[in-house]
Amino acid sequence: MKVINVELSVIPGKQAEYEAFINDLVSNSRQESGNISYNHFKAIDSDVNYEIIEHWQDEKAIDSHNNTPHFQHFLAGIGEFLTADPVIIRMDAN
């Protein structure tokens, strides 16, 4: 299993717009073949820090995900909501 954590810092005042934007990515990603779980969280101690935690069956599932229209839409638009580039942590689960 492959695990990806994505840390996102949102521009203050854009949280509601960001959350609406990210919902498409989350709901569509959950339906993909090879997806085990795909969740989006807001930090308890911050109004602007979020994290996506993804679990995929294998690298092939991730490659397929990266080519979907909803992921490409995410890539094209996420920059307008963030204060910095996303921090992406990729892991293997044994």
PDB file of N, CA and C in Angstrom:
ATOM      1  N   MET A   1       0.842  -1.177   0.000  1.00  0.00           N
ATOM      2  CA  MET A   1       0.000   0.000   0.000  1.00  0.00           C
ATOM      3  C   MET A   1       0.888   1.242   0.000  1.00  0.00           C
ATOM      4  N   LYS A   2       0.441   2.264  -0.703  1.00  0.00           N
ATOM      5  CA  LYS A   2       1.130   3.544  -0.779  1.00  0.00           C
ATOM      6  C   LYS A   2       0.313   4.589  -0.005  1.00  0.00           C
ATOM      7  N   VAL A   3       1.023   5.431   0.741  1.00  0.00           N
ATOM      8  CA  VAL A   3       0.387   6.489   1.526  1.00  0.00           C
ATOM      9  C   VAL A   3       0.975   7.820   1.094  1.00  0.00           C
ATOM     10  N   ILE A   4       0.092   8.788   0.884  1.00  0.00           N
ATOM     11  CA  ILE A   4       0.527  10.145   0.547  1.00  0.00           C
ATOM     12  C   ILE A   4      -0.163  11.116   1.499  1.00  0.00           C
ATOM     13  N   ASN A   5       0.635  11.963   2.143  1.00  0.00           N
ATOM     14  CA  ASN A   5       0.111  13.046   2.975  1.00  0.00           C
ATOM     15  C   ASN A   5       0.467  14.351   2.285  1.00  0.00           C
ATOM     16  N   VAL A   6      -0.507  15.230   2.159  1.00  0.00           N
ATOM     17  CA  VAL A   6      -0.293  16.525   1.513  1.00  0.00           C
ATOM     18  C   VAL A   6      -0.716  17.616   2.496  1.00  0.00           C
ATOM     19  N   GLU A   7       0.249  18.426   2.920  1.00  0.00           N
ATOM     20  CA  GLU A   7      -0.018  19.535   3.837  1.00  0.00           C
ATOM     21  C   GLU A   7      -0.262  20.797   3.016  1.00  0.00           C
ATOM     22  N   LEU A   8      -1.366  21.487   3.327  1.00  0.00           N
ATOM     23  CA  LEU A   8      -1.778  22.666   2.573  1.00  0.00           C
ATOM     24  C   LEU A   8      -2.021  23.836   3.522  1.00  0.00           C
ATOM     25  N   SER A   9      -1.430  24.991   3.231  1.00  0.00           N
ATOM     26  CA  SER A   9      -1.637  26.209   4.022  1.00  0.00           C
ATOM     27  C   SER A   9      -2.424  27.197   3.161  1.00  0.00           C
ATOM     28  N   VAL A  10      -3.643  27.494   3.603  1.00  0.00           N
ATOM     29  CA  VAL A  10      -4.578  28.293   2.825  1.00  0.00           C
ATOM     30  C   VAL A  10      -4.489  29.775   3.211  1.00  0.00           C
ATOM     31  N   ILE A  11      -4.637  30.629   2.226  1.00  0.00           N
ATOM     32  CA  ILE A  11      -4.653  32.073   2.453  1.00  0.00           C
ATOM     33  C   ILE A  11      -5.807  32.424   3.388  1.00  0.00           C
ATOM     34  N   PRO A  12      -5.535  33.159   4.469  1.00  0.00           N
ATOM     35  CA  PRO A  12      -6.621  33.556   5.375  1.00  0.00           C
ATOM     36  C   PRO A  12      -7.734  34.277   4.604  1.00  0.00           C
ATOM     37  N   GLY A  13      -8.967  33.902   4.914  1.00  0.00           N
ATOM     38  CA  GLY A  13     -10.125  34.472   4.246  1.00  0.00           C
ATOM     39  C   GLY A  13     -10.602  33.680   3.045  1.00  0.00           C
ATOM     40  N   LYS A  14      -9.810  32.711   2.604  1.00  0.00           N
ATOM     41  CA  LYS A  14     -10.185  31.888   1.440  1.00  0.00           C
ATOM     42  C   LYS A  14     -10.582  30.461   1.833  1.00  0.00           C
ATOM     43  N   GLN A  15     -10.732  30.210   3.127  1.00  0.00           N
ATOM     44  CA  GLN A  15     -10.983  28.842   3.571  1.00  0.00           C
ATOM     45  C   GLN A  15     -12.274  28.263   2.998  1.00  0.00           C
ATOM     46  N   ALA A  16     -13.371  29.015   3.011  1.00  0.00           N
ATOM     47  CA  ALA A  16     -14.650  28.482   2.517  1.00  0.00           C
ATOM     48  C   ALA A  16     -14.561  28.175   1.025  1.00  0.00           C
ATOM     49  N   GLU A  17     -13.954  29.077   0.267  1.00  0.00           N
ATOM     50  CA  GLU A  17     -13.794  28.865  -1.175  1.00  0.00           C
ATOM     51  C   GLU A  17     -12.885  27.662  -1.440  1.00  0.00           C
ATOM     52  N   TYR A  18     -11.815  27.545  -0.669  1.00  0.00           N
ATOM     53  CA  TYR A  18     -10.904  26.405  -0.788  1.00  0.00           C
ATOM     54  C   TYR A  18     -11.635  25.094  -0.487  1.00  0.00           C
ATOM     55  N   GLU A  19     -12.395  25.063   0.598  1.00  0.00           N
ATOM     56  CA  GLU A  19     -13.102  23.832   0.976  1.00  0.00           C
ATOM     57  C   GLU A  19     -14.080  23.402  -0.105  1.00  0.00           C
ATOM     58  N   ALA A  20     -14.768  24.341  -0.728  1.00  0.00           N
ATOM     59  CA  ALA A  20     -15.672  23.999  -1.834  1.00  0.00           C
ATOM     60  C   ALA A  20     -14.875  23.450  -3.019  1.00  0.00           C
ATOM     61  N   PHE A  21     -13.728  24.057  -3.299  1.00  0.00           N
ATOM     62  CA  PHE A  21     -12.869  23.618  -4.400  1.00  0.00           C
ATOM     63  C   PHE A  21     -12.352  22.200  -4.168  1.00  0.00           C
ATOM     64  N   ILE A  22     -11.918  21.899  -2.966  1.00  0.00           N
ATOM     65  CA  ILE A  22     -11.281  20.613  -2.670  1.00  0.00           C
ATOM     66  C   ILE A  22     -12.291  19.458  -2.628  1.00  0.00           C
ATOM     67  N   ASN A  23     -13.558  19.771  -2.386  1.00  0.00           N
ATOM     68  CA  ASN A  23     -14.577  18.709  -2.281  1.00  0.00           C
ATOM     69  C   ASN A  23     -14.672  17.867  -3.544  1.00  0.00           C
ATOM     70  N   ASP A  24     -14.520  18.479  -4.715  1.00  0.00           N
ATOM     71  CA  ASP A  24     -14.575  17.731  -5.976  1.00  0.00           C
ATOM     72  C   ASP A  24     -13.457  16.705  -6.041  1.00  0.00           C
ATOM     73  N   LEU A  25     -12.261  17.130  -5.683  1.00  0.00           N
ATOM     74  CA  LEU A  25     -11.108  16.217  -5.694  1.00  0.00           C
ATOM     75  C   LEU A  25     -11.338  15.042  -4.751  1.00  0.00           C
ATOM     76  N   VAL A  26     -11.774  15.334  -3.534  1.00  0.00           N
ATOM     77  CA  VAL A  26     -11.941  14.290  -2.525  1.00  0.00           C
ATOM     78  C   VAL A  26     -13.031  13.302  -2.941  1.00  0.00           C
ATOM     79  N   SER A  27     -14.193  13.804  -3.321  1.00  0.00           N
ATOM     80  CA  SER A  27     -15.298  12.887  -3.640  1.00  0.00           C
ATOM     81  C   SER A  27     -14.993  12.031  -4.864  1.00  0.00           C
ATOM     82  N   ASN A  28     -14.374  12.609  -5.883  1.00  0.00           N
ATOM     83  CA  ASN A  28     -14.037  11.818  -7.076  1.00  0.00           C
ATOM     84  C   ASN A  28     -12.888  10.850  -6.824  1.00  0.00           C
ATOM     85  N   SER A  29     -11.907  11.255  -6.051  1.00  0.00           N
ATOM     86  CA  SER A  29     -10.765  10.378  -5.771  1.00  0.00           C
ATOM     87  C   SER A  29     -11.193   9.139  -4.995  1.00  0.00           C
ATOM     88  N   ARG A  30     -12.137   9.280  -4.098  1.00  0.00           N
ATOM     89  CA  ARG A  30     -12.631   8.147  -3.311  1.00  0.00           C
ATOM     90  C   ARG A  30     -13.253   7.068  -4.183  1.00  0.00           C
ATOM     91  N   GLN A  31     -13.733   7.440  -5.358  1.00  0.00           N
ATOM     92  CA  GLN A  31     -14.410   6.493  -6.242  1.00  0.00           C
ATOM     93  C   GLN A  31     -13.465   5.770  -7.208  1.00  0.00           C
ATOM     94  N   GLU A  32     -12.208   6.148  -7.208  1.00  0.00           N
ATOM     95  CA  GLU A  32     -11.263   5.569  -8.161  1.00  0.00           C
ATOM     96  C   GLU A  32     -10.883   4.131  -7.820  1.00  0.00           C
ATOM     97  N   SER A  33     -10.651   3.359  -8.865  1.00  0.00           N
ATOM     98  CA  SER A  33     -10.126   2.017  -8.697  1.00  0.00           C
ATOM     99  C   SER A  33      -8.731   2.121  -8.085  1.00  0.00           C
ATOM    100  N   GLY A  34      -8.452   1.310  -7.089  1.00  0.00           N
ATOM    101  CA  GLY A  34      -7.151   1.336  -6.435  1.00  0.00           C
ATOM    102  C   GLY A  34      -7.064   2.268  -5.248  1.00  0.00           C
ATOM    103  N   ASN A  35      -8.116   3.063  -5.011  1.00  0.00           N
ATOM    104  CA  ASN A  35      -8.125   3.932  -3.841  1.00  0.00           C
ATOM    105  C   ASN A  35      -8.637   3.153  -2.642  1.00  0.00           C
ATOM    106  N   ILE A  36      -7.895   3.209  -1.550  1.00  0.00           N
ATOM    107  CA  ILE A  36      -8.304   2.563  -0.303  1.00  0.00           C
ATOM    108  C   ILE A  36      -9.008   3.576   0.589  1.00  0.00           C
ATOM    109  N   SER A  37      -8.427   4.771   0.699  1.00  0.00           N
ATOM    110  CA  SER A  37      -9.092   5.876   1.415  1.00  0.00           C
ATOM    111  C   SER A  37      -8.502   7.194   0.942  1.00  0.00           C
ATOM    112  N   TYR A  38      -9.322   8.232   1.022  1.00  0.00           N
ATOM    113  CA  TYR A  38      -8.919   9.569   0.589  1.00  0.00           C
ATOM    114  C   TYR A  38      -9.672  10.550   1.471  1.00  0.00           C
ATOM    115  N   ASN A  39      -8.948  11.213   2.376  1.00  0.00           N
ATOM    116  CA  ASN A  39      -9.596  12.087   3.345  1.00  0.00           C
ATOM    117  C   ASN A  39      -8.927  13.446   3.411  1.00  0.00           C
ATOM    118  N   HIS A  40      -9.716  14.436   3.765  1.00  0.00           N
ATOM    119  CA  HIS A  40      -9.271  15.825   3.865  1.00  0.00           C
ATOM    120  C   HIS A  40      -9.585  16.301   5.286  1.00  0.00           C
ATOM    121  N   PHE A  41      -8.578  16.873   5.941  1.00  0.00           N
ATOM    122  CA  PHE A  41      -8.728  17.292   7.331  1.00  0.00           C
ATOM    123  C   PHE A  41      -8.312  18.745   7.506  1.00  0.00           C
ATOM    124  N   LYS A  42      -8.932  19.399   8.486  1.00  0.00           N
ATOM    125  CA  LYS A  42      -8.544  20.745   8.896  1.00  0.00           C
ATOM    126  C   LYS A  42      -7.857  20.624  10.248  1.00  0.00           C
ATOM    127  N   ALA A  43      -6.744  21.321  10.418  1.00  0.00           N
ATOM    128  CA  ALA A  43      -5.996  21.255  11.679  1.00  0.00           C
ATOM    129  C   ALA A  43      -6.861  21.754  12.841  1.00  0.00           C
ATOM    130  N   ILE A  44      -6.709  21.135  13.980  1.00  0.00           N
ATOM    131  CA  ILE A  44      -7.463  21.514  15.175  1.00  0.00           C
ATOM    132  C   ILE A  44      -7.039  22.894  15.672  1.00  0.00           C
ATOM    133  N   ASP A  45      -5.759  23.186  15.570  1.00  0.00           N
ATOM    134  CA  ASP A  45      -5.229  24.419  16.155  1.00  0.00           C
ATOM    135  C   ASP A  45      -4.987  25.538  15.142  1.00  0.00           C
ATOM    136  N   SER A  46      -5.564  25.423  13.940  1.00  0.00           N
ATOM    137  CA  SER A  46      -5.339  26.429  12.905  1.00  0.00           C
ATOM    138  C   SER A  46      -6.540  26.500  11.971  1.00  0.00           C
ATOM    139  N   ASP A  47      -6.889  27.707  11.580  1.00  0.00           N
ATOM    140  CA  ASP A  47      -7.987  27.882  10.625  1.00  0.00           C
ATOM    141  C   ASP A  47      -7.529  27.805   9.178  1.00  0.00           C
ATOM    142  N   VAL A  48      -6.217  27.725   8.956  1.00  0.00           N
ATOM    143  CA  VAL A  48      -5.707  27.786   7.579  1.00  0.00           C
ATOM    144  C   VAL A  48      -4.871  26.575   7.166  1.00  0.00           C
ATOM    145  N   ASN A  49      -4.651  25.637   8.062  1.00  0.00           N
ATOM    146  CA  ASN A  49      -3.832  24.462   7.735  1.00  0.00           C
ATOM    147  C   ASN A  49      -4.710  23.227   7.552  1.00  0.00           C
ATOM    148  N   TYR A  50      -4.474  22.550   6.437  1.00  0.00           N
ATOM    149  CA  TYR A  50      -5.257  21.373   6.061  1.00  0.00           C
ATOM    150  C   TYR A  50      -4.308  20.252   5.670  1.00  0.00           C
ATOM    151  N   GLU A  51      -4.862  19.046   5.604  1.00  0.00           N
ATOM    152  CA  GLU A  51      -4.064  17.913   5.150  1.00  0.00           C
ATOM    153  C   GLU A  51      -4.958  16.929   4.404  1.00  0.00           C
ATOM    154  N   ILE A  52      -4.425  16.428   3.310  1.00  0.00           N
ATOM    155  CA  ILE A  52      -5.052  15.328   2.577  1.00  0.00           C
ATOM    156  C   ILE A  52      -4.238  14.081   2.917  1.00  0.00           C
ATOM    157  N   ILE A  53      -4.915  13.016   3.305  1.00  0.00           N
ATOM    158  CA  ILE A  53      -4.252  11.742   3.587  1.00  0.00           C
ATOM    159  C   ILE A  53      -4.861  10.702   2.655  1.00  0.00           C
ATOM    160  N   GLU A  54      -4.007  10.147   1.802  1.00  0.00           N
ATOM    161  CA  GLU A  54      -4.437   9.218   0.758  1.00  0.00           C
ATOM    162  C   GLU A  54      -3.810   7.843   0.985  1.00  0.00           C
ATOM    163  N   HIS A  55      -4.584   6.801   0.749  1.00  0.00           N
ATOM    164  CA  HIS A  55      -4.078   5.429   0.772  1.00  0.00           C
ATOM    165  C   HIS A  55      -4.449   4.779  -0.565  1.00  0.00           C
ATOM    166  N   TRP A  56      -3.414   4.287  -1.249  1.00  0.00           N
ATOM    167  CA  TRP A  56      -3.592   3.686  -2.570  1.00  0.00           C
ATOM    168  C   TRP A  56      -3.077   2.251  -2.567  1.00  0.00           C
ATOM    169  N   GLN A  57      -3.695   1.444  -3.385  1.00  0.00           N
ATOM    170  CA  GLN A  57      -3.326   0.033  -3.493  1.00  0.00           C
ATOM    171  C   GLN A  57      -1.880  -0.141  -3.956  1.00  0.00           C
ATOM    172  N   ASP A  58      -1.474   0.661  -4.948  1.00  0.00           N
ATOM    173  CA  ASP A  58      -0.125   0.528  -5.502  1.00  0.00           C
ATOM    174  C   ASP A  58       0.218   1.764  -6.329  1.00  0.00           C
ATOM    175  N   GLU A  59       1.418   1.775  -6.876  1.00  0.00           N
ATOM    176  CA  GLU A  59       1.886   2.914  -7.669  1.00  0.00           C
ATOM    177  C   GLU A  59       1.060   3.097  -8.935  1.00  0.00           C
ATOM    178  N   LYS A  60       0.592   2.006  -9.505  1.00  0.00           N
ATOM    179  CA  LYS A  60      -0.253   2.077 -10.700  1.00  0.00           C
ATOM    180  C   LYS A  60      -1.529   2.869 -10.423  1.00  0.00           C
ATOM    181  N   ALA A  61      -2.125   2.690  -9.253  1.00  0.00           N
ATOM    182  CA  ALA A  61      -3.334   3.430  -8.878  1.00  0.00           C
ATOM    183  C   ALA A  61      -3.031   4.924  -8.736  1.00  0.00           C
ATOM    184  N   ILE A  62      -1.861   5.248  -8.190  1.00  0.00           N
ATOM    185  CA  ILE A  62      -1.463   6.658  -8.051  1.00  0.00           C
ATOM    186  C   ILE A  62      -1.259   7.277  -9.432  1.00  0.00           C
ATOM    187  N   ASP A  63      -0.587   6.563 -10.313  1.00  0.00           N
ATOM    188  CA  ASP A  63      -0.366   7.069 -11.671  1.00  0.00           C
ATOM    189  C   ASP A  63      -1.693   7.332 -12.373  1.00  0.00           C
ATOM    190  N   SER A  64      -2.634   6.427 -12.211  1.00  0.00           N
ATOM    191  CA  SER A  64      -3.952   6.603 -12.810  1.00  0.00           C
ATOM    192  C   SER A  64      -4.645   7.833 -12.221  1.00  0.00           C
ATOM    193  N   HIS A  65      -4.581   7.974 -10.907  1.00  0.00           N
ATOM    194  CA  HIS A  65      -5.173   9.129 -10.212  1.00  0.00           C
ATOM    195  C   HIS A  65      -4.587  10.439 -10.737  1.00  0.00           C
ATOM    196  N   ASN A  66      -3.276  10.465 -10.913  1.00  0.00           N
ATOM    197  CA  ASN A  66      -2.604  11.694 -11.344  1.00  0.00           C
ATOM    198  C   ASN A  66      -3.027  12.147 -12.744  1.00  0.00           C
ATOM    199  N   ASN A  67      -3.628  11.262 -13.511  1.00  0.00           N
ATOM    200  CA  ASN A  67      -4.074  11.600 -14.864  1.00  0.00           C
ATOM    201  C   ASN A  67      -5.569  11.855 -14.979  1.00  0.00           C
ATOM    202  N   THR A  68      -6.297  11.817 -13.869  1.00  0.00           N
ATOM    203  CA  THR A  68      -7.746  12.030 -13.917  1.00  0.00           C
ATOM    204  C   THR A  68      -8.074  13.510 -14.115  1.00  0.00           C
ATOM    205  N   PRO A  69      -9.223  13.807 -14.700  1.00  0.00           N
ATOM    206  CA  PRO A  69      -9.634  15.210 -14.873  1.00  0.00           C
ATOM    207  C   PRO A  69      -9.748  15.966 -13.537  1.00  0.00           C
ATOM    208  N   HIS A  70     -10.252  15.307 -12.490  1.00  0.00           N
ATOM    209  CA  HIS A  70     -10.412  16.015 -11.211  1.00  0.00           C
ATOM    210  C   HIS A  70      -9.066  16.334 -10.566  1.00  0.00           C
ATOM    211  N   PHE A  71      -8.063  15.465 -10.747  1.00  0.00           N
ATOM    212  CA  PHE A  71      -6.742  15.785 -10.200  1.00  0.00           C
ATOM    213  C   PHE A  71      -6.076  16.881 -11.029  1.00  0.00           C
ATOM    214  N   GLN A  72      -6.220  16.838 -12.331  1.00  0.00           N
ATOM    215  CA  GLN A  72      -5.658  17.880 -13.187  1.00  0.00           C
ATOM    216  C   GLN A  72      -6.306  19.242 -12.889  1.00  0.00           C
ATOM    217  N   HIS A  73      -7.602  19.238 -12.615  1.00  0.00           N
ATOM    218  CA  HIS A  73      -8.311  20.470 -12.223  1.00  0.00           C
ATOM    219  C   HIS A  73      -7.762  20.993 -10.895  1.00  0.00           C
ATOM    220  N   PHE A  74      -7.534  20.097  -9.964  1.00  0.00           N
ATOM    221  CA  PHE A  74      -6.926  20.461  -8.679  1.00  0.00           C
ATOM    222  C   PHE A  74      -5.566  21.127  -8.903  1.00  0.00           C
ATOM    223  N   LEU A  75      -4.702  20.496  -9.681  1.00  0.00           N
ATOM    224  CA  LEU A  75      -3.370  21.048  -9.942  1.00  0.00           C
ATOM    225  C   LEU A  75      -3.437  22.434 -10.582  1.00  0.00           C
ATOM    226  N   ALA A  76      -4.371  22.606 -11.503  1.00  0.00           N
ATOM    227  CA  ALA A  76      -4.483  23.872 -12.222  1.00  0.00           C
ATOM    228  C   ALA A  76      -4.975  25.011 -11.333  1.00  0.00           C
ATOM    229  N   GLY A  77      -5.781  24.682 -10.308  1.00  0.00           N
ATOM    230  CA  GLY A  77      -6.412  25.738  -9.528  1.00  0.00           C
ATOM    231  C   GLY A  77      -5.960  25.912  -8.099  1.00  0.00           C
ATOM    232  N   ILE A  78      -5.245  24.954  -7.537  1.00  0.00           N
ATOM    233  CA  ILE A  78      -4.926  25.002  -6.107  1.00  0.00           C
ATOM    234  C   ILE A  78      -4.052  26.194  -5.734  1.00  0.00           C
ATOM    235  N   GLY A  79      -3.204  26.630  -6.630  1.00  0.00           N
ATOM    236  CA  GLY A  79      -2.281  27.718  -6.332  1.00  0.00           C
ATOM    237  C   GLY A  79      -2.945  29.004  -5.880  1.00  0.00           C
ATOM    238  N   GLU A  80      -4.161  29.259  -6.352  1.00  0.00           N
ATOM    239  CA  GLU A  80      -4.832  30.504  -5.973  1.00  0.00           C
ATOM    240  C   GLU A  80      -5.306  30.517  -4.518  1.00  0.00           C
ATOM    241  N   PHE A  81      -5.227  29.372  -3.850  1.00  0.00           N
ATOM    242  CA  PHE A  81      -5.685  29.280  -2.467  1.00  0.00           C
ATOM    243  C   PHE A  81      -4.559  29.185  -1.439  1.00  0.00           C
ATOM    244  N   LEU A  82      -3.336  28.949  -1.875  1.00  0.00           N
ATOM    245  CA  LEU A  82      -2.262  28.595  -0.943  1.00  0.00           C
ATOM    246  C   LEU A  82      -1.263  29.720  -0.698  1.00  0.00           C
ATOM    247  N   THR A  83      -0.705  29.717   0.521  1.00  0.00           N
ATOM    248  CA  THR A  83       0.350  30.668   0.877  1.00  0.00           C
ATOM    249  C   THR A  83       1.736  30.125   0.519  1.00  0.00           C
ATOM    250  N   ALA A  84       1.826  28.813   0.291  1.00  0.00           N
ATOM    251  CA  ALA A  84       3.102  28.166  -0.042  1.00  0.00           C
ATOM    252  C   ALA A  84       2.795  26.893  -0.822  1.00  0.00           C
ATOM    253  N   ASP A  85       3.810  26.348  -1.479  1.00  0.00           N
ATOM    254  CA  ASP A  85       3.635  25.080  -2.182  1.00  0.00           C
ATOM    255  C   ASP A  85       3.223  23.992  -1.194  1.00  0.00           C
ATOM    256  N   PRO A  86       2.395  23.056  -1.623  1.00  0.00           N
ATOM    257  CA  PRO A  86       2.033  21.938  -0.751  1.00  0.00           C
ATOM    258  C   PRO A  86       3.273  21.144  -0.341  1.00  0.00           C
ATOM    259  N   VAL A  87       3.233  20.601   0.862  1.00  0.00           N
ATOM    260  CA  VAL A  87       4.278  19.695   1.337  1.00  0.00           C
ATOM    261  C   VAL A  87       3.748  18.287   1.126  1.00  0.00           C
ATOM    262  N   ILE A  88       4.443  17.502   0.324  1.00  0.00           N
ATOM    263  CA  ILE A  88       3.980  16.156  -0.032  1.00  0.00           C
ATOM    264  C   ILE A  88       4.933  15.133   0.565  1.00  0.00           C
ATOM    265  N   ILE A  89       4.363  14.210   1.336  1.00  0.00           N
ATOM    266  CA  ILE A  89       5.130  13.141   1.963  1.00  0.00           C
ATOM    267  C   ILE A  89       4.589  11.812   1.440  1.00  0.00           C
ATOM    268  N   ARG A  90       5.450  11.043   0.779  1.00  0.00           N
ATOM    269  CA  ARG A  90       5.051   9.745   0.215  1.00  0.00           C
ATOM    270  C   ARG A  90       5.686   8.631   1.028  1.00  0.00           C
ATOM    271  N   MET A  91       4.894   7.607   1.338  1.00  0.00           N
ATOM    272  CA  MET A  91       5.365   6.500   2.158  1.00  0.00           C
ATOM    273  C   MET A  91       4.868   5.161   1.622  1.00  0.00           C
ATOM    274  N   ASP A  92       5.612   4.104   1.935  1.00  0.00           N
ATOM    275  CA  ASP A  92       5.162   2.741   1.713  1.00  0.00           C
ATOM    276  C   ASP A  92       4.674   2.190   3.041  1.00  0.00           C
ATOM    277  N   ALA A  93       3.550   1.510   3.016  1.00  0.00           N
ATOM    278  CA  ALA A  93       3.060   0.829   4.209  1.00  0.00           C
ATOM    279  C   ALA A  93       3.339  -0.658   4.042  1.00  0.00           C
ATOM    280  N   ASN A  94       3.928  -1.237   5.026  1.00  0.00           N
ATOM    281  CA  ASN A  94       4.253  -2.668   4.953  1.00  0.00           C
ATOM    282  C   ASN A  94       3.165  -3.513   5.557  1.00  0.00           C
TER     283      ASN A  94
END
